[in-house]
Amino acid sequence: MPRKFKAGDWVKVKGKLFAPKMQVIKYVPKKDPLLGFVDNDNYLECVWYKSGERRVEVFHQHKLVRMTETGGLFKTFKKNPELSFT
């Protein structure tokens, strides 16, 4: 199965309204408990910060959606252009 994301992408958990914005760190190998084989292409390690504390968790790539708005600790704001009629 092809990889959907790459390191540095910003993602969010599908279907959750208040899910945190997370950054993809890397793909991690995970052993399937039923079949016993190791899957290297479907599980992502993601990081986010809550109350100044770093949190890391592993998610299946089908449970995540890519965010169009990127950003991290340093957020940039676009200034609205000023209109002048003179």
PDB file of N, CA and C in Angstrom:
ATOM      1  N   MET A   1       0.840  -1.171   0.000  1.00  0.00           N
ATOM      2  CA  MET A   1       0.000   0.000   0.000  1.00  0.00           C
ATOM      3  C   MET A   1       0.897   1.250   0.000  1.00  0.00           C
ATOM      4  N   PRO A   2       0.593   2.245  -0.816  1.00  0.00           N
ATOM      5  CA  PRO A   2       1.455   3.422  -0.891  1.00  0.00           C
ATOM      6  C   PRO A   2       1.348   4.300   0.356  1.00  0.00           C
ATOM      7  N   ARG A   3       2.424   4.993   0.619  1.00  0.00           N
ATOM      8  CA  ARG A   3       2.452   5.930   1.746  1.00  0.00           C
ATOM      9  C   ARG A   3       1.753   7.215   1.349  1.00  0.00           C
ATOM     10  N   LYS A   4       0.883   7.736   2.225  1.00  0.00           N
ATOM     11  CA  LYS A   4       0.111   8.944   1.933  1.00  0.00           C
ATOM     12  C   LYS A   4       0.819  10.220   2.376  1.00  0.00           C
ATOM     13  N   PHE A   5       1.647  10.128   3.389  1.00  0.00           N
ATOM     14  CA  PHE A   5       2.245  11.310   3.998  1.00  0.00           C
ATOM     15  C   PHE A   5       3.763  11.206   3.992  1.00  0.00           C
ATOM     16  N   LYS A   6       4.400  12.328   4.287  1.00  0.00           N
ATOM     17  CA  LYS A   6       5.854  12.337   4.437  1.00  0.00           C
ATOM     18  C   LYS A   6       6.179  13.097   5.720  1.00  0.00           C
ATOM     19  N   ALA A   7       7.382  12.956   6.189  1.00  0.00           N
ATOM     20  CA  ALA A   7       7.799  13.629   7.413  1.00  0.00           C
ATOM     21  C   ALA A   7       7.652  15.135   7.250  1.00  0.00           C
ATOM     22  N   GLY A   8       7.063  15.772   8.250  1.00  0.00           N
ATOM     23  CA  GLY A   8       6.863  17.217   8.216  1.00  0.00           C
ATOM     24  C   GLY A   8       5.466  17.635   7.811  1.00  0.00           C
ATOM     25  N   ASP A   9       4.656  16.713   7.287  1.00  0.00           N
ATOM     26  CA  ASP A   9       3.281  17.053   6.925  1.00  0.00           C
ATOM     27  C   ASP A   9       2.446  17.323   8.177  1.00  0.00           C
ATOM     28  N   TRP A  10       1.463  18.219   8.057  1.00  0.00           N
ATOM     29  CA  TRP A  10       0.542  18.526   9.143  1.00  0.00           C
ATOM     30  C   TRP A  10      -0.736  17.750   8.913  1.00  0.00           C
ATOM     31  N   VAL A  11      -1.186  17.023   9.939  1.00  0.00           N
ATOM     32  CA  VAL A  11      -2.343  16.147   9.826  1.00  0.00           C
ATOM     33  C   VAL A  11      -3.277  16.331  11.015  1.00  0.00           C
ATOM     34  N   LYS A  12      -4.476  15.745  10.876  1.00  0.00           N
ATOM     35  CA  LYS A  12      -5.472  15.774  11.929  1.00  0.00           C
ATOM     36  C   LYS A  12      -6.244  14.461  11.852  1.00  0.00           C
ATOM     37  N   VAL A  13      -6.767  13.978  12.978  1.00  0.00           N
ATOM     38  CA  VAL A  13      -7.527  12.740  12.998  1.00  0.00           C
ATOM     39  C   VAL A  13      -8.883  12.981  12.345  1.00  0.00           C
ATOM     40  N   LYS A  14      -9.291  12.091  11.442  1.00  0.00           N
ATOM     41  CA  LYS A  14     -10.572  12.212  10.747  1.00  0.00           C
ATOM     42  C   LYS A  14     -11.729  12.084  11.732  1.00  0.00           C
ATOM     43  N   GLY A  15     -12.761  12.887  11.515  1.00  0.00           N
ATOM     44  CA  GLY A  15     -13.999  12.730  12.256  1.00  0.00           C
ATOM     45  C   GLY A  15     -14.032  13.336  13.645  1.00  0.00           C
ATOM     46  N   LYS A  16     -12.956  13.891  14.123  1.00  0.00           N
ATOM     47  CA  LYS A  16     -12.934  14.510  15.451  1.00  0.00           C
ATOM     48  C   LYS A  16     -12.898  16.023  15.290  1.00  0.00           C
ATOM     49  N   LEU A  17     -13.854  16.706  15.915  1.00  0.00           N
ATOM     50  CA  LEU A  17     -13.928  18.157  15.785  1.00  0.00           C
ATOM     51  C   LEU A  17     -12.786  18.875  16.490  1.00  0.00           C
ATOM     52  N   PHE A  18     -12.416  18.395  17.649  1.00  0.00           N
ATOM     53  CA  PHE A  18     -11.415  19.088  18.450  1.00  0.00           C
ATOM     54  C   PHE A  18     -10.091  18.337  18.511  1.00  0.00           C
ATOM     55  N   ALA A  19      -9.780  17.588  17.468  1.00  0.00           N
ATOM     56  CA  ALA A  19      -8.510  16.868  17.411  1.00  0.00           C
ATOM     57  C   ALA A  19      -7.371  17.864  17.230  1.00  0.00           C
ATOM     58  N   PRO A  20      -6.239  17.619  17.868  1.00  0.00           N
ATOM     59  CA  PRO A  20      -5.117  18.547  17.729  1.00  0.00           C
ATOM     60  C   PRO A  20      -4.475  18.461  16.352  1.00  0.00           C
ATOM     61  N   LYS A  21      -3.852  19.544  15.948  1.00  0.00           N
ATOM     62  CA  LYS A  21      -3.064  19.569  14.717  1.00  0.00           C
ATOM     63  C   LYS A  21      -1.718  18.933  15.050  1.00  0.00           C
ATOM     64  N   MET A  22      -1.335  17.914  14.282  1.00  0.00           N
ATOM     65  CA  MET A  22      -0.124  17.157  14.577  1.00  0.00           C
ATOM     66  C   MET A  22       0.826  17.201  13.398  1.00  0.00           C
ATOM     67  N   GLN A  23       2.092  16.980  13.686  1.00  0.00           N
ATOM     68  CA  GLN A  23       3.100  16.917  12.635  1.00  0.00           C
ATOM     69  C   GLN A  23       3.614  15.485  12.539  1.00  0.00           C
ATOM     70  N   VAL A  24       3.726  14.997  11.307  1.00  0.00           N
ATOM     71  CA  VAL A  24       4.222  13.645  11.061  1.00  0.00           C
ATOM     72  C   VAL A  24       5.725  13.620  11.300  1.00  0.00           C
ATOM     73  N   ILE A  25       6.183  12.648  12.093  1.00  0.00           N
ATOM     74  CA  ILE A  25       7.616  12.477  12.327  1.00  0.00           C
ATOM     75  C   ILE A  25       8.184  11.462  11.345  1.00  0.00           C
ATOM     76  N   LYS A  26       7.601  10.250  11.345  1.00  0.00           N
ATOM     77  CA  LYS A  26       8.117   9.191  10.464  1.00  0.00           C
ATOM     78  C   LYS A  26       7.134   8.029  10.436  1.00  0.00           C
ATOM     79  N   TYR A  27       7.344   7.136   9.475  1.00  0.00           N
ATOM     80  CA  TYR A  27       6.622   5.862   9.450  1.00  0.00           C
ATOM     81  C   TYR A  27       7.337   4.907  10.393  1.00  0.00           C
ATOM     82  N   VAL A  28       6.557   4.113  11.130  1.00  0.00           N
ATOM     83  CA  VAL A  28       7.140   3.172  12.084  1.00  0.00           C
ATOM     84  C   VAL A  28       6.638   1.763  11.778  1.00  0.00           C
ATOM     85  N   PRO A  29       7.474   0.751  11.998  1.00  0.00           N
ATOM     86  CA  PRO A  29       7.021  -0.631  11.802  1.00  0.00           C
ATOM     87  C   PRO A  29       6.111  -1.050  12.953  1.00  0.00           C
ATOM     88  N   LYS A  30       5.053  -1.763  12.618  1.00  0.00           N
ATOM     89  CA  LYS A  30       4.135  -2.251  13.645  1.00  0.00           C
ATOM     90  C   LYS A  30       3.728  -3.675  13.282  1.00  0.00           C
ATOM     91  N   LYS A  31       3.778  -4.564  14.269  1.00  0.00           N
ATOM     92  CA  LYS A  31       3.471  -5.975  14.039  1.00  0.00           C
ATOM     93  C   LYS A  31       1.964  -6.196  14.137  1.00  0.00           C
ATOM     94  N   ASP A  32       1.403  -6.869  13.145  1.00  0.00           N
ATOM     95  CA  ASP A  32      -0.017  -7.203  13.139  1.00  0.00           C
ATOM     96  C   ASP A  32      -0.253  -8.329  14.145  1.00  0.00           C
ATOM     97  N   PRO A  33      -1.139  -8.118  15.137  1.00  0.00           N
ATOM     98  CA  PRO A  33      -1.326  -9.151  16.161  1.00  0.00           C
ATOM     99  C   PRO A  33      -1.989 -10.428  15.640  1.00  0.00           C
ATOM    100  N   LEU A  34      -2.793 -10.335  14.586  1.00  0.00           N
ATOM    101  CA  LEU A  34      -3.487 -11.517  14.077  1.00  0.00           C
ATOM    102  C   LEU A  34      -2.635 -12.329  13.117  1.00  0.00           C
ATOM    103  N   LEU A  35      -2.032 -11.655  12.158  1.00  0.00           N
ATOM    104  CA  LEU A  35      -1.273 -12.365  11.130  1.00  0.00           C
ATOM    105  C   LEU A  35       0.202 -12.521  11.470  1.00  0.00           C
ATOM    106  N   GLY A  36       0.722 -11.635  12.308  1.00  0.00           N
ATOM    107  CA  GLY A  36       2.096 -11.768  12.753  1.00  0.00           C
ATOM    108  C   GLY A  36       3.155 -11.132  11.867  1.00  0.00           C
ATOM    109  N   PHE A  37       2.757 -10.474  10.762  1.00  0.00           N
ATOM    110  CA  PHE A  37       3.768  -9.844   9.924  1.00  0.00           C
ATOM    111  C   PHE A  37       3.959  -8.377  10.331  1.00  0.00           C
ATOM    112  N   VAL A  38       5.103  -7.829   9.971  1.00  0.00           N
ATOM    113  CA  VAL A  38       5.442  -6.453  10.321  1.00  0.00           C
ATOM    114  C   VAL A  38       5.051  -5.537   9.166  1.00  0.00           C
ATOM    115  N   ASP A  39       4.284  -4.499   9.485  1.00  0.00           N
ATOM    116  CA  ASP A  39       3.815  -3.540   8.485  1.00  0.00           C
ATOM    117  C   ASP A  39       4.660  -2.274   8.605  1.00  0.00           C
ATOM    118  N   ASN A  40       5.395  -1.927   7.538  1.00  0.00           N
ATOM    119  CA  ASN A  40       6.279  -0.758   7.558  1.00  0.00           C
ATOM    120  C   ASN A  40       5.695   0.465   6.874  1.00  0.00           C
ATOM    121  N   ASP A  41       4.560   0.342   6.189  1.00  0.00           N
ATOM    122  CA  ASP A  41       4.076   1.420   5.333  1.00  0.00           C
ATOM    123  C   ASP A  41       2.730   2.013   5.722  1.00  0.00           C
ATOM    124  N   ASN A  42       2.183   1.702   6.864  1.00  0.00           N
ATOM    125  CA  ASN A  42       0.849   2.202   7.194  1.00  0.00           C
ATOM    126  C   ASN A  42       0.745   2.970   8.502  1.00  0.00           C
ATOM    127  N   TYR A  43       1.704   2.866   9.385  1.00  0.00           N
ATOM    128  CA  TYR A  43       1.593   3.503  10.699  1.00  0.00           C
ATOM    129  C   TYR A  43       2.559   4.674  10.817  1.00  0.00           C
ATOM    130  N   LEU A  44       2.026   5.797  11.298  1.00  0.00           N
ATOM    131  CA  LEU A  44       2.791   7.044  11.408  1.00  0.00           C
ATOM    132  C   LEU A  44       2.973   7.435  12.866  1.00  0.00           C
ATOM    133  N   GLU A  45       4.139   7.945  13.167  1.00  0.00           N
ATOM    134  CA  GLU A  45       4.380   8.529  14.482  1.00  0.00           C
ATOM    135  C   GLU A  45       4.172  10.039  14.335  1.00  0.00           C
ATOM    136  N   CYS A  46       3.267  10.593  15.147  1.00  0.00           N
ATOM    137  CA  CYS A  46       2.926  12.014  15.063  1.00  0.00           C
ATOM    138  C   CYS A  46       3.191  12.689  16.399  1.00  0.00           C
ATOM    139  N   VAL A  47       3.477  13.979  16.342  1.00  0.00           N
ATOM    140  CA  VAL A  47       3.765  14.749  17.546  1.00  0.00           C
ATOM    141  C   VAL A  47       2.880  15.987  17.579  1.00  0.00           C
ATOM    142  N   TRP A  48       2.459  16.384  18.789  1.00  0.00           N
ATOM    143  CA  TRP A  48       1.743  17.630  19.015  1.00  0.00           C
ATOM    144  C   TRP A  48       2.026  18.080  20.431  1.00  0.00           C
ATOM    145  N   TYR A  49       1.701  19.305  20.718  1.00  0.00           N
ATOM    146  CA  TYR A  49       1.969  19.889  22.026  1.00  0.00           C
ATOM    147  C   TYR A  49       0.658  20.301  22.673  1.00  0.00           C
ATOM    148  N   LYS A  50       0.500  19.971  23.961  1.00  0.00           N
ATOM    149  CA  LYS A  50      -0.688  20.349  24.719  1.00  0.00           C
ATOM    150  C   LYS A  50      -0.222  20.864  26.070  1.00  0.00           C
ATOM    151  N   SER A  51      -0.555  22.116  26.357  1.00  0.00           N
ATOM    152  CA  SER A  51      -0.158  22.771  27.607  1.00  0.00           C
ATOM    153  C   SER A  51       1.353  22.741  27.803  1.00  0.00           C
ATOM    154  N   GLY A  52       2.100  22.906  26.731  1.00  0.00           N
ATOM    155  CA  GLY A  52       3.551  22.933  26.803  1.00  0.00           C
ATOM    156  C   GLY A  52       4.192  21.561  26.913  1.00  0.00           C
ATOM    157  N   GLU A  53       3.398  20.507  26.881  1.00  0.00           N
ATOM    158  CA  GLU A  53       3.918  19.151  27.006  1.00  0.00           C
ATOM    159  C   GLU A  53       3.905  18.472  25.641  1.00  0.00           C
ATOM    160  N   ARG A  54       5.007  17.846  25.290  1.00  0.00           N
ATOM    161  CA  ARG A  54       5.122  17.145  24.002  1.00  0.00           C
ATOM    162  C   ARG A  54       4.435  15.787  24.107  1.00  0.00           C
ATOM    163  N   ARG A  55       3.583  15.504  23.129  1.00  0.00           N
ATOM    164  CA  ARG A  55       2.883  14.220  23.089  1.00  0.00           C
ATOM    165  C   ARG A  55       3.165  13.540  21.759  1.00  0.00           C
ATOM    166  N   VAL A  56       3.394  12.239  21.815  1.00  0.00           N
ATOM    167  CA  VAL A  56       3.701  11.450  20.628  1.00  0.00           C
ATOM    168  C   VAL A  56       2.789  10.229  20.631  1.00  0.00           C
ATOM    169  N   GLU A  57       2.227   9.922  19.450  1.00  0.00           N
ATOM    170  CA  GLU A  57       1.357   8.748  19.338  1.00  0.00           C
ATOM    171  C   GLU A  57       1.469   8.181  17.924  1.00  0.00           C
ATOM    172  N   VAL A  58       1.148   6.902  17.788  1.00  0.00           N
ATOM    173  CA  VAL A  58       1.195   6.218  16.497  1.00  0.00           C
ATOM    174  C   VAL A  58      -0.238   6.061  15.986  1.00  0.00           C
ATOM    175  N   PHE A  59      -0.449   6.421  14.700  1.00  0.00           N
ATOM    176  CA  PHE A  59      -1.759   6.339  14.070  1.00  0.00           C
ATOM    177  C   PHE A  59      -1.642   5.594  12.746  1.00  0.00           C
ATOM    178  N   HIS A  60      -2.737   4.931  12.342  1.00  0.00           N
ATOM    179  CA  HIS A  60      -2.808   4.339  11.009  1.00  0.00           C
ATOM    180  C   HIS A  60      -3.039   5.471  10.027  1.00  0.00           C
ATOM    181  N   GLN A  61      -2.430   5.405   8.850  1.00  0.00           N
ATOM    182  CA  GLN A  61      -2.507   6.509   7.901  1.00  0.00           C
ATOM    183  C   GLN A  61      -3.926   6.757   7.388  1.00  0.00           C
ATOM    184  N   HIS A  62      -4.810   5.757   7.433  1.00  0.00           N
ATOM    185  CA  HIS A  62      -6.182   5.949   6.977  1.00  0.00           C
ATOM    186  C   HIS A  62      -7.040   6.704   7.991  1.00  0.00           C
ATOM    187  N   LYS A  63      -6.557   6.863   9.218  1.00  0.00           N
ATOM    188  CA  LYS A  63      -7.294   7.612  10.236  1.00  0.00           C
ATOM    189  C   LYS A  63      -6.925   9.091  10.236  1.00  0.00           C
ATOM    190  N   LEU A  64      -5.993   9.481   9.366  1.00  0.00           N
ATOM    191  CA  LEU A  64      -5.512  10.857   9.343  1.00  0.00           C
ATOM    192  C   LEU A  64      -5.886  11.545   8.041  1.00  0.00           C
ATOM    193  N   VAL A  65      -6.006  12.868   8.121  1.00  0.00           N
ATOM    194  CA  VAL A  65      -6.264  13.688   6.940  1.00  0.00           C
ATOM    195  C   VAL A  65      -5.243  14.826   6.939  1.00  0.00           C
ATOM    196  N   ARG A  66      -4.739  15.151   5.749  1.00  0.00           N
ATOM    197  CA  ARG A  66      -3.742  16.218   5.616  1.00  0.00           C
ATOM    198  C   ARG A  66      -4.424  17.575   5.793  1.00  0.00           C
ATOM    199  N   MET A  67      -3.761  18.474   6.483  1.00  0.00           N
ATOM    200  CA  MET A  67      -4.294  19.815   6.690  1.00  0.00           C
ATOM    201  C   MET A  67      -3.679  20.765   5.672  1.00  0.00           C
ATOM    202  N   THR A  68      -4.513  21.632   5.125  1.00  0.00           N
ATOM    203  CA  THR A  68      -3.995  22.606   4.166  1.00  0.00           C
ATOM    204  C   THR A  68      -3.278  23.736   4.886  1.00  0.00           C
ATOM    205  N   GLU A  69      -3.736  24.074   6.080  1.00  0.00           N
ATOM    206  CA  GLU A  69      -3.080  25.121   6.863  1.00  0.00           C
ATOM    207  C   GLU A  69      -1.917  24.502   7.621  1.00  0.00           C
ATOM    208  N   THR A  70      -0.732  25.009   7.371  1.00  0.00           N
ATOM    209  CA  THR A  70       0.443  24.492   8.063  1.00  0.00           C
ATOM    210  C   THR A  70       0.817  25.458   9.172  1.00  0.00           C
ATOM    211  N   GLY A  71       1.789  25.117   9.915  1.00  0.00           N
ATOM    212  CA  GLY A  71       2.267  26.000  10.963  1.00  0.00           C
ATOM    213  C   GLY A  71       2.695  25.189  12.155  1.00  0.00           C
ATOM    214  N   GLY A  72       3.365  25.845  13.046  1.00  0.00           N
ATOM    215  CA  GLY A  72       3.859  25.155  14.222  1.00  0.00           C
ATOM    216  C   GLY A  72       3.951  26.123  15.360  1.00  0.00           C
ATOM    217  N   LEU A  73       5.095  26.151  15.971  1.00  0.00           N
ATOM    218  CA  LEU A  73       5.291  27.056  17.098  1.00  0.00           C
ATOM    219  C   LEU A  73       5.320  28.504  16.645  1.00  0.00           C
ATOM    220  N   PHE A  74       5.819  28.752  15.450  1.00  0.00           N
ATOM    221  CA  PHE A  74       5.913  30.110  14.937  1.00  0.00           C
ATOM    222  C   PHE A  74       4.891  30.291  13.829  1.00  0.00           C
ATOM    223  N   LYS A  75       3.789  30.901  14.148  1.00  0.00           N
ATOM    224  CA  LYS A  75       2.715  31.076  13.179  1.00  0.00           C
ATOM    225  C   LYS A  75       2.879  32.432  12.500  1.00  0.00           C
ATOM    226  N   THR A  76       2.737  32.442  11.210  1.00  0.00           N
ATOM    227  CA  THR A  76       2.826  33.687  10.470  1.00  0.00           C
ATOM    228  C   THR A  76       1.423  34.136  10.101  1.00  0.00           C
ATOM    229  N   PHE A  77       1.188  35.417  10.164  1.00  0.00           N
ATOM    230  CA  PHE A  77      -0.112  35.972   9.843  1.00  0.00           C
ATOM    231  C   PHE A  77       0.018  36.801   8.578  1.00  0.00           C
ATOM    232  N   LYS A  78      -0.919  36.606   7.676  1.00  0.00           N
ATOM    233  CA  LYS A  78      -0.926  37.407   6.462  1.00  0.00           C
ATOM    234  C   LYS A  78      -1.665  38.700   6.742  1.00  0.00           C
ATOM    235  N   LYS A  79      -1.060  39.794   6.359  1.00  0.00           N
ATOM    236  CA  LYS A  79      -1.671  41.084   6.563  1.00  0.00           C
ATOM    237  C   LYS A  79      -2.585  41.378   5.384  1.00  0.00           C
ATOM    238  N   ASN A  80      -3.800  41.837   5.694  1.00  0.00           N
ATOM    239  CA  ASN A  80      -4.732  42.185   4.637  1.00  0.00           C
ATOM    240  C   ASN A  80      -4.214  43.404   3.875  1.00  0.00           C
ATOM    241  N   PRO A  81      -4.314  43.409   2.559  1.00  0.00           N
ATOM    242  CA  PRO A  81      -3.831  44.555   1.803  1.00  0.00           C
ATOM    243  C   PRO A  81      -4.693  45.792   2.073  1.00  0.00           C
ATOM    244  N   GLU A  82      -4.035  46.906   2.179  1.00  0.00           N
ATOM    245  CA  GLU A  82      -4.759  48.163   2.417  1.00  0.00           C
ATOM    246  C   GLU A  82      -5.192  48.742   1.085  1.00  0.00           C
ATOM    247  N   LEU A  83      -6.437  49.132   1.023  1.00  0.00           N
ATOM    248  CA  LEU A  83      -6.987  49.711  -0.195  1.00  0.00           C
ATOM    249  C   LEU A  83      -6.954  51.227  -0.089  1.00  0.00           C
ATOM    250  N   SER A  84      -6.570  51.869  -1.154  1.00  0.00           N
ATOM    251  CA  SER A  84      -6.616  53.337  -1.165  1.00  0.00           C
ATOM    252  C   SER A  84      -7.310  53.783  -2.449  1.00  0.00           C
ATOM    253  N   PHE A  85      -8.112  54.798  -2.319  1.00  0.00           N
ATOM    254  CA  PHE A  85      -8.875  55.307  -3.455  1.00  0.00           C
ATOM    255  C   PHE A  85      -8.288  56.583  -4.036  1.00  0.00           C
ATOM    256  N   THR A  86      -7.058  56.875  -3.700  1.00  0.00           N
ATOM    257  CA  THR A  86      -6.418  58.101  -4.230  1.00  0.00           C
ATOM    258  C   THR A  86      -5.384  57.793  -5.261  1.00  0.00           C
TER     259      THR A  86
END
